[in-house]
Protein backbone atom coordinates (compact mmCIF):
# COMPACT_ATOMS: atom_id res chain seq x y z
CA UNK A 1 56.38 -66.12 21.84
CA UNK A 2 56.43 -65.12 18.19
CA UNK A 3 52.76 -66.19 17.81
CA UNK A 4 51.77 -64.11 20.82
CA UNK A 5 53.69 -61.15 19.43
CA UNK A 6 51.98 -61.40 16.04
CA UNK A 7 48.59 -61.68 17.73
CA UNK A 8 49.27 -58.59 19.85
CA UNK A 9 50.28 -56.55 16.80
CA UNK A 10 47.18 -57.75 14.96
CA UNK A 11 44.91 -56.68 17.84
CA UNK A 12 46.57 -53.27 18.02
CA UNK A 13 46.05 -52.75 14.28
CA UNK A 14 42.38 -53.76 14.59
CA UNK A 15 41.94 -51.34 17.50
CA UNK A 16 43.53 -48.51 15.52
CA UNK A 17 41.34 -49.21 12.49
CA UNK A 18 38.24 -49.46 14.68
CA UNK A 19 39.05 -46.19 16.47
CA UNK A 20 39.77 -44.49 13.13
CA UNK A 21 36.45 -45.71 11.71
CA UNK A 22 34.61 -44.54 14.82
CA UNK A 23 36.21 -41.10 14.60
CA UNK A 24 35.38 -40.91 10.90
CA UNK A 25 31.78 -41.88 11.55
CA UNK A 26 31.52 -39.34 14.37
CA UNK A 27 33.07 -36.64 12.19
CA UNK A 28 30.67 -37.41 9.36
CA UNK A 29 27.73 -37.52 11.75
CA UNK A 30 28.78 -34.22 13.35
CA UNK A 31 29.16 -32.65 9.93
CA UNK A 32 25.69 -33.83 8.94
CA UNK A 33 24.21 -32.41 12.14
CA UNK A 34 25.96 -29.07 11.56
CA UNK A 35 24.74 -29.05 7.95
CA UNK A 36 21.16 -29.75 9.04
CA UNK A 37 21.40 -27.03 11.70
CA UNK A 38 22.69 -24.58 9.11
CA UNK A 39 19.83 -25.43 6.76
CA UNK A 40 17.37 -25.03 9.60
CA UNK A 41 18.69 -21.53 10.30
CA UNK A 42 18.11 -20.40 6.70
CA UNK A 43 14.50 -19.34 7.07
CA UNK A 44 12.32 -16.65 5.60
CA UNK A 45 12.12 -14.98 9.01
CA UNK A 46 15.90 -14.53 8.88
CA UNK A 47 15.89 -12.96 5.42
CA UNK A 48 12.75 -10.86 5.86
CA UNK A 49 12.53 -10.00 9.58
CA UNK A 50 9.61 -7.99 10.94
CA UNK A 51 11.48 -5.30 12.89
CA UNK A 52 9.85 -2.71 15.14
CA UNK A 53 10.54 1.04 14.98
CA UNK A 54 12.93 0.86 12.06
CA UNK A 55 12.81 3.07 8.98
CA UNK A 56 14.52 1.72 5.87
CA UNK A 57 15.24 4.39 3.28
CA UNK A 58 15.91 3.54 -0.36
CA UNK A 59 17.48 5.51 -3.16
CA UNK A 60 15.65 5.49 -6.49
CA UNK A 61 17.51 5.27 -9.80
CA UNK A 62 15.88 5.45 -13.22
CA UNK A 63 12.45 6.63 -12.06
CA UNK A 64 11.34 9.38 -9.70
CA UNK A 65 8.98 7.01 -7.87
CA UNK A 66 11.62 4.33 -7.24
CA UNK A 67 12.75 6.16 -4.10
CA UNK A 68 10.94 4.94 -0.98
CA UNK A 69 10.86 4.60 2.79
CA UNK A 70 9.38 1.59 4.57
CA UNK A 71 8.24 1.07 8.15
CA UNK A 72 6.41 -1.73 9.97
CA UNK A 73 3.34 -0.02 11.49
CA UNK A 74 1.91 -3.11 13.14
CA UNK A 75 3.38 -6.50 14.04
CA UNK A 76 1.47 -9.35 15.63
CA UNK A 77 2.46 -13.01 15.58
CA UNK A 78 3.19 -14.12 12.03
CA UNK A 79 1.73 -10.98 10.42
CA UNK A 80 3.04 -7.47 9.87
CA UNK A 81 1.76 -4.32 8.19
CA UNK A 82 4.34 -2.50 6.11
CA UNK A 83 3.87 1.20 5.28
CA UNK A 84 5.58 2.31 2.07
CA UNK A 85 6.20 5.97 1.30
CA UNK A 86 7.35 7.18 -2.12
CA UNK A 87 7.16 10.58 -3.85
CA UNK A 88 3.86 9.65 -5.52
CA UNK A 89 1.80 7.89 -2.87
CA UNK A 90 1.66 6.03 0.42
CA UNK A 91 0.75 2.35 0.40
CA UNK A 92 0.38 -0.50 2.87
CA UNK A 93 0.97 -4.22 2.57
CA UNK A 94 0.06 -6.94 5.04
CA UNK A 95 2.64 -9.72 5.02
CA UNK A 96 2.33 -13.15 6.55
CA UNK A 97 4.70 -16.01 7.37
CA UNK A 98 2.79 -19.24 6.76
CA UNK A 99 3.60 -22.80 5.68
CA UNK A 100 7.18 -21.92 4.73
CA UNK A 101 6.12 -18.92 2.66
CA UNK A 102 6.15 -15.14 2.95
CA UNK A 103 2.83 -14.01 1.50
CA UNK A 104 1.35 -10.65 0.64
CA UNK A 105 -2.24 -10.96 1.82
CA UNK A 106 -3.34 -7.34 1.37
CA UNK A 107 -2.09 -4.31 -0.52
CA UNK A 108 -3.62 -0.87 -1.08
CA UNK A 109 -2.34 2.45 -2.38
CA UNK A 110 -3.39 5.98 -1.42
CA UNK A 111 -3.31 4.85 2.23
CA UNK A 112 -2.43 8.09 3.98
CA UNK A 113 -3.99 7.35 7.38
CA UNK A 114 -3.14 4.85 10.11
CA UNK A 115 -5.40 1.81 10.23
CA UNK A 116 -4.57 -1.65 11.53
CA UNK A 117 -5.34 -4.14 8.73
CA UNK A 118 -3.66 -7.20 10.26
CA UNK A 119 -6.91 -9.11 10.69
CA UNK A 120 -8.01 -8.68 7.09
CA UNK A 121 -8.74 -11.83 5.12
CA UNK A 122 -7.03 -11.28 1.78
CA UNK A 123 -5.62 -13.11 -1.19
CA UNK A 124 -2.61 -15.28 -0.32
CA UNK A 125 -1.51 -16.12 -3.86
CA UNK A 126 1.29 -13.54 -4.07
CA UNK A 127 4.18 -15.46 -2.53
CA UNK A 128 7.24 -13.25 -2.07
CA UNK A 129 9.61 -15.91 -0.68
CA UNK A 130 9.23 -19.66 -0.45
CA UNK A 131 11.27 -22.24 1.44
CA UNK A 132 13.56 -24.01 1.00
CA UNK A 133 15.72 -20.97 0.36
CA UNK A 134 17.87 -22.72 -2.22
CA UNK A 135 18.88 -21.71 -5.73
CA UNK A 136 16.48 -23.14 -8.27
CA UNK A 137 13.39 -23.16 -6.05
CA UNK A 138 10.58 -21.53 -8.05
CA UNK A 139 6.84 -20.86 -7.84
CA UNK A 140 4.05 -19.09 -9.70
CA UNK A 141 2.58 -15.72 -8.75
CA UNK A 142 -0.60 -13.89 -9.88
CA UNK A 143 -0.60 -13.09 -13.59
CA UNK A 144 0.96 -16.41 -14.49
CA UNK A 145 4.47 -15.13 -13.84
CA UNK A 146 7.34 -17.14 -12.43
CA UNK A 147 9.45 -16.31 -9.38
CA UNK A 148 12.73 -18.15 -8.70
CA UNK A 149 15.47 -18.09 -6.12
CA UNK A 150 18.29 -17.44 -8.57
CA UNK A 151 21.21 -17.18 -6.14
CA UNK A 152 22.20 -17.47 -2.49
CA UNK A 153 25.34 -15.39 -1.95
CA UNK A 154 24.99 -12.89 -4.77
CA UNK A 155 26.94 -9.63 -4.55
CA UNK A 156 24.82 -6.49 -4.57
CA UNK A 157 26.00 -2.91 -4.15
CA UNK A 158 23.83 -0.36 -2.39
CA UNK A 159 24.53 3.15 -1.08
CA UNK A 160 24.24 1.72 2.44
CA UNK A 161 26.87 -1.00 1.95
CA UNK A 162 27.77 -3.98 -0.22
CA UNK A 163 26.07 -7.26 0.59
CA UNK A 164 26.05 -10.96 -0.12
CA UNK A 165 22.35 -11.54 -0.65
CA UNK A 166 19.63 -14.00 -1.51
CA UNK A 167 18.59 -13.16 -5.07
CA UNK A 168 15.03 -13.71 -6.31
CA UNK A 169 14.13 -13.28 -9.98
CA UNK A 170 10.59 -12.59 -11.18
CA UNK A 171 10.00 -13.18 -14.89
CA UNK A 172 7.24 -11.08 -16.47
CA UNK A 173 7.74 -12.25 -20.05
CA UNK A 174 9.10 -10.46 -23.11
CA UNK A 175 12.48 -10.18 -21.41
CA UNK A 176 11.11 -8.14 -18.48
CA UNK A 177 12.46 -9.25 -15.10
CA UNK A 178 12.75 -7.98 -11.57
CA UNK A 179 15.61 -8.91 -9.27
CA UNK A 180 15.04 -8.63 -5.53
CA UNK A 181 17.78 -9.01 -2.93
CA UNK A 182 17.35 -10.08 0.69
CA UNK A 183 20.01 -10.07 3.40
CA UNK A 184 19.94 -12.10 6.60
CA UNK A 185 18.86 -10.08 9.68
CA UNK A 186 18.22 -6.99 7.53
CA UNK A 187 15.60 -7.86 4.92
CA UNK A 188 14.95 -6.39 1.49
CA UNK A 189 17.96 -4.33 0.39
CA UNK A 190 17.46 -3.87 -3.34
CA UNK A 191 15.06 -4.22 -6.24
CA UNK A 192 16.14 -3.94 -9.89
CA UNK A 193 13.61 -3.94 -12.73
CA UNK A 194 14.99 -4.66 -16.20
CA UNK A 195 13.36 -4.28 -19.60
CA UNK A 196 16.11 -4.63 -22.16
CA UNK A 197 18.58 -1.84 -21.46
CA UNK A 198 16.05 0.09 -19.36
CA UNK A 199 16.56 -0.30 -15.60
CA UNK A 200 14.86 1.03 -12.49
CA UNK A 201 16.61 0.50 -9.16
CA UNK A 202 15.49 0.82 -5.55
CA UNK A 203 18.58 0.52 -3.35
CA UNK A 204 18.94 0.60 0.42
CA UNK A 205 20.43 3.92 1.49
CA UNK A 206 19.98 4.08 5.25
CA UNK A 207 18.50 2.27 8.25
CA UNK A 208 17.23 4.34 11.18
CA UNK A 209 15.97 2.96 14.48
CA UNK A 210 13.15 5.40 15.11
CA UNK A 211 9.45 6.10 14.66
CA UNK A 212 8.16 7.58 11.44
CA UNK A 213 6.62 11.02 11.28
CA UNK A 214 3.69 12.20 9.23
CA UNK A 215 1.30 15.15 9.30
CA UNK A 216 -2.40 15.57 9.94
CA UNK A 217 -4.66 18.60 9.89
CA UNK A 218 -6.31 19.28 13.23
CA UNK A 219 -9.23 21.63 13.86
CA UNK A 220 -9.89 23.60 17.08
CA UNK A 221 -12.39 26.27 18.15
CA UNK A 222 -10.87 29.69 18.68
CA UNK A 223 -11.28 31.30 22.10
CA UNK A 224 -11.59 34.75 20.54
CA UNK A 225 -13.92 33.97 17.64
CA UNK A 226 -16.84 31.78 16.60
CA UNK A 227 -14.79 30.34 13.76
CA UNK A 228 -12.85 27.08 13.78
CA UNK A 229 -9.11 27.18 13.10
CA UNK A 230 -7.04 24.50 11.43
CA UNK A 231 -3.32 23.72 11.27
CA UNK A 232 -0.90 20.93 10.40
CA UNK A 233 0.50 18.89 13.28
CA UNK A 234 3.24 16.31 13.22
CA UNK A 235 2.32 12.78 14.23
CA UNK A 236 5.05 10.49 15.46
CA UNK A 237 4.08 6.83 15.15
CA UNK A 238 5.90 3.89 16.73
CA UNK A 239 5.24 0.29 15.76
CA UNK A 240 1.97 -0.92 17.33
CA UNK A 241 1.08 2.56 18.56
CA UNK A 242 -2.59 3.41 19.08
CA UNK A 243 -3.96 5.98 16.65
CA UNK A 244 -6.82 6.47 19.13
CA UNK A 245 -4.38 7.64 21.82
CA UNK A 246 -2.54 9.88 19.35
CA UNK A 247 -5.75 11.58 18.21
CA UNK A 248 -6.95 11.80 21.80
CA UNK A 249 -3.75 13.52 22.91
CA UNK A 250 -3.93 16.05 20.07
CA UNK A 251 -7.61 16.76 20.74
CA UNK A 252 -6.81 17.50 24.39
CA UNK A 253 -3.66 19.52 23.80
CA UNK A 254 -3.84 22.22 21.12
CA UNK A 255 -0.48 23.84 20.33
CA UNK A 256 -1.57 27.34 21.38
CA UNK A 257 -3.46 29.01 24.23
CA UNK A 258 -5.59 30.72 21.57
CA UNK A 259 -7.10 27.36 20.66
CA UNK A 260 -9.63 25.43 22.70
CA UNK A 261 -9.28 21.70 23.43
CA UNK A 262 -12.06 19.69 21.77
CA UNK A 263 -12.28 17.05 24.53
CA UNK A 264 -11.68 17.25 28.26
CA UNK A 265 -8.67 15.77 30.04
CA UNK A 266 -10.74 12.84 31.32
CA UNK A 267 -12.39 11.98 28.00
CA UNK A 268 -11.23 8.80 26.28
CA UNK A 269 -11.70 7.52 22.77
CA UNK A 270 -13.22 4.09 23.35
CA UNK A 271 -13.04 3.00 19.73
CA UNK A 272 -12.43 4.21 16.21
CA UNK A 273 -13.74 2.32 13.21
CA UNK A 274 -13.42 3.02 9.49
CA UNK A 275 -16.39 1.54 7.62
CA UNK A 276 -14.73 1.23 4.25
CA UNK A 277 -17.87 0.16 2.40
CA UNK A 278 -19.95 3.16 3.47
CA UNK A 279 -16.96 5.50 3.69
CA UNK A 280 -17.85 6.58 7.22
CA UNK A 281 -15.75 6.99 10.36
CA UNK A 282 -17.30 5.86 13.62
CA UNK A 283 -15.82 7.22 16.84
CA UNK A 284 -17.02 6.38 20.33
CA UNK A 285 -16.13 8.56 23.35
CA UNK A 286 -16.34 7.96 27.08
CA UNK A 287 -19.17 9.62 29.02
CA UNK A 288 -16.92 12.54 30.03
CA UNK A 289 -17.12 13.89 26.48
CA UNK A 290 -20.61 15.19 27.26
CA UNK A 291 -20.60 15.44 31.06
CA UNK A 292 -17.46 17.63 31.13
CA UNK A 293 -18.18 19.73 28.03
CA UNK A 294 -20.13 22.49 29.86
CA UNK A 295 -20.58 24.87 26.88
CA UNK A 296 -23.42 26.49 25.00
CA UNK A 297 -24.90 25.19 21.77
CA UNK A 298 -22.77 27.44 19.55
CA UNK A 299 -19.47 26.30 21.02
CA UNK A 300 -20.70 22.70 21.17
CA UNK A 301 -21.30 22.91 17.43
CA UNK A 302 -17.74 24.18 16.93
CA UNK A 303 -16.33 21.31 19.02
CA UNK A 304 -18.24 18.72 17.01
CA UNK A 305 -17.21 20.42 13.78
CA UNK A 306 -13.57 20.30 14.85
CA UNK A 307 -13.74 16.56 15.53
CA UNK A 308 -15.67 15.77 12.34
CA UNK A 309 -13.36 17.84 10.13
CA UNK A 310 -10.23 16.39 11.71
CA UNK A 311 -11.35 12.79 11.23
CA UNK A 312 -12.92 13.41 7.83
CA UNK A 313 -9.78 15.07 6.52
CA UNK A 314 -7.46 12.43 7.95
CA UNK A 315 -9.40 9.44 6.61
CA UNK A 316 -10.54 11.10 3.39
CA UNK A 317 -14.30 10.79 4.08
CA UNK A 318 -17.24 13.16 4.45
CA UNK A 319 -19.29 11.28 7.07
CA UNK A 320 -18.50 10.86 10.77
CA UNK A 321 -20.71 9.06 13.29
CA UNK A 322 -20.13 10.10 16.90
CA UNK A 323 -21.34 8.03 19.84
CA UNK A 324 -20.85 8.12 23.60
CA UNK A 325 -20.55 4.84 25.47
CA UNK A 326 -22.02 3.07 22.46
CA UNK A 327 -25.07 5.33 22.03
CA UNK A 328 -25.56 7.95 19.27
CA UNK A 329 -24.43 11.43 20.29
CA UNK A 330 -27.07 13.24 22.31
CA UNK A 331 -26.67 16.32 24.51
CA UNK A 332 -29.10 18.98 25.65
CA UNK A 333 -28.59 20.85 22.37
CA UNK A 334 -27.62 18.41 19.60
CA UNK A 335 -28.61 14.79 18.97
CA UNK A 336 -28.44 12.21 16.18
CA UNK A 337 -30.07 8.83 15.60
CA UNK A 338 -28.16 5.61 14.98
CA UNK A 339 -28.69 5.95 11.21
CA UNK A 340 -27.53 9.59 11.10
CA UNK A 341 -24.07 11.15 11.03
CA UNK A 342 -22.22 14.45 10.96
CA UNK A 343 -20.62 15.74 7.77
CA UNK A 344 -17.44 17.66 7.11
CA UNK A 345 -18.12 21.41 7.03
CA UNK A 346 -15.58 23.73 5.42
CA UNK A 347 -17.45 26.97 6.17
CA UNK A 348 -16.21 29.61 8.60
CA UNK A 349 -12.73 28.15 8.86
CA UNK A 350 -9.51 30.07 9.39
CA UNK A 351 -5.95 28.85 8.99
CA UNK A 352 -4.13 29.22 12.27
CA UNK A 353 -0.71 30.82 12.22
CA UNK A 354 1.09 30.82 15.52
C-alpha cells in the first residue's frame, strides 16, 4: 500500500509541475503575441495620419513665421497633399507612405492656388519618419544630415494640451538641431529648432474639423456698363474638393444682381490644366458655353476677359487658353488657333462694392 501511495503522490507532483510548465509556456507565448501585436500597431500611419477636413493650427514662438496652419487638400491611397499657411507664404507638400517610410516627394512655396499634385514624380530622399519606430533608429536626409528617433514617450507641452510623443531629432551640424514630436492618432504636434540658446517653436494650438477658407478675385461684366468689375470672394475647400466645380459655381453665381454670370447654368468646366513649364492655364468648357451665350461681340469680349482675368489672377499667370469640347475657342465673333491664347487685361476694370 505504501508503494502505491508514494507512486500516487509522485504522479500528482508530476501533473502539477507539467500543468505549471504548460501555463508558464502559454503565458509567455501570449505575452510574446501581445508584444508582437503592440509592435505591429506602432506604425507611421498611426503617428502621422492623413485626416480629411481637419485644420491644425500652430502657435509660433521665437519667429513671426513659425506660426502656421495645415490642412490636407487631397488624399488618395498612400499619398496626401498638405497645404501649409504661415504669415509669409503658402506652401504645399506631397507626402507618401512607402516601404515603411513617410517621404516628402514634392514641396513648393508661393503656392496660393489649388492644384492636385498627388501624381507628381518627385524626389523621395527626404524621409520624415522611418520604421521601426524605436529609439535609436536613424537615417540620412538630403544635405548629408542625420535624423534619429530620439525618444518614444517624450513629454511635450503645447497650448493645445500636454502629450507623450514620439521624438525625432534632426542634426544639422554646428550644434543646430530640430526636434519634431508626433502623437498617435493626431500627428505632428510640435517642432523646436535650436541653435545654441536661440530657439524657434511651432506648437499645436488647436484642431478644427472643418474646411479651410481662402480668397480669390473674381471678375464679372456689369449689366449697367461696358466695364468689367472685380471683387474678392471666399472659397471654402474641403479635402478632395474639385476646384473646377468651385470655379464653375462662382462663374455662374455672382454675388449681386448688378453683375452678369460669365457662364450659363448648363455650362460645365470639363477640365482645367496648369502648364507649369509654359505658365499657361488651359480650361475646357462644355458646348453650352457658346451655344447658350447669346450676346453680342462686345459683351462676349467682357465675358472672356472675366474668365481670363479670374484664372490668370488666381494662378499667377498671364496666358489662358480656352477651348470648348477640346477645340480652340471659336464663336461667330471671336476665335483662336490651338497655338494661341488670351492674355490678362487690366484695362477698363472697376472694383465692385456691394
